[in-house]
Each structure stands twice: as C-alpha cells, then as structure tokens.
Amino acid sequence: MAAARFVRRAGGGQCVLVAPELFDQRDTDGVVVLLTPAPHPRHHAEAREAALLCPGGAITVHTS
C-alpha cells in the first residue's frame, strides 16, 4: 500500500517521532532517513500521519 519517499530535507524530525519503525534521523545533519520503502500494512497509518506532519512535504505516500 504505502511507499514513502524522502525527497528533501525537513529537519523537524516529526516523522521519526510518529513512525520510528519507518524513519530515523541522522545525528550528523538531521536529515531523515527512510528505513523501509514499503512498510507492512500495520504501519500504513503511521506513514500517512508522518507525511501529513512533515514540513515542506518531504515525505510522500503512494498507494497501489
């Protein structure tokens, strides 16, 4: 269902707080890193919420 793709730096880390199973944040520069591009269905709601909370639209969620 969901594939989140990081397209630019956000810096806020809201997605990491909402979905730590899906995202991490690098200590060196604060860039958010996608841990799994195709999350398990049990994480789809978190992926959508992270995309909504992410400043600047750095995360997109695609449905198939």
Protein backbone atom coordinates (compact mmCIF):
# COMPACT_ATOMS: atom_id res chain seq x y z
CA MET A 1 0.00 0.00 0.00
CA ALA A 2 2.41 2.66 1.11
CA ALA A 3 5.78 3.66 -0.14
CA ALA A 4 7.21 6.74 1.45
CA ARG A 5 10.00 8.55 -0.32
CA PHE A 6 12.16 11.25 1.20
CA VAL A 7 12.61 13.96 -1.38
CA ARG A 8 14.18 16.85 0.53
CA ARG A 9 15.45 17.77 3.96
CA ALA A 10 12.82 18.56 6.57
CA GLY A 11 14.88 18.84 9.73
CA GLY A 12 11.96 18.76 12.16
CA GLY A 13 12.01 15.04 12.78
CA GLN A 14 8.25 14.80 13.28
CA CYS A 15 8.10 11.69 11.12
CA VAL A 16 10.64 9.97 13.37
CA LEU A 17 8.51 10.72 16.41
CA VAL A 18 5.31 9.49 14.74
CA ALA A 19 6.76 6.46 12.94
CA PRO A 20 10.09 5.33 14.42
CA GLU A 21 9.66 1.96 12.71
CA LEU A 22 9.78 3.71 9.33
CA PHE A 23 12.15 6.64 9.81
CA ASP A 24 15.38 7.58 11.57
CA GLN A 25 17.25 10.86 11.72
CA ARG A 26 20.98 11.23 11.14
CA ASP A 27 22.86 12.78 14.06
CA THR A 28 25.35 14.50 11.77
CA ASP A 29 22.97 16.71 9.81
CA GLY A 30 19.41 15.98 10.96
CA VAL A 31 18.36 14.51 7.63
CA VAL A 32 15.57 11.97 7.99
CA VAL A 33 16.31 8.52 6.59
CA LEU A 34 13.65 6.14 5.30
CA LEU A 35 14.16 2.74 6.92
CA THR A 36 11.67 0.77 4.85
CA PRO A 37 10.32 1.93 1.48
CA ALA A 38 7.35 -0.47 1.57
CA PRO A 39 6.09 -0.67 5.15
CA HIS A 40 3.98 -3.52 6.46
CA PRO A 41 0.25 -2.78 6.37
CA ARG A 42 0.21 -2.35 10.15
CA HIS A 43 2.38 0.77 9.64
CA HIS A 44 0.38 2.38 6.83
CA ALA A 45 -1.49 4.74 9.17
CA GLU A 46 1.80 5.92 10.69
CA ALA A 47 3.26 6.51 7.21
CA ARG A 48 0.26 8.65 6.25
CA GLU A 49 0.42 10.61 9.51
CA ALA A 50 4.16 11.20 9.10
CA ALA A 51 3.56 12.57 5.60
CA LEU A 52 0.89 14.94 6.91
CA LEU A 53 3.10 16.21 9.74
CA CYS A 54 6.27 16.57 7.72
CA PRO A 55 7.09 20.20 6.95
CA GLY A 56 7.65 21.06 3.33
CA GLY A 57 6.12 17.85 2.01
CA ALA A 58 9.41 15.95 2.30
CA ILE A 59 7.53 12.64 2.56
CA THR A 60 5.08 11.31 0.03
CA VAL A 61 2.99 8.19 0.42
CA HIS A 62 1.92 6.29 -2.67
CA THR A 63 -0.88 3.75 -2.74
CA SER A 64 -1.04 0.91 -5.18
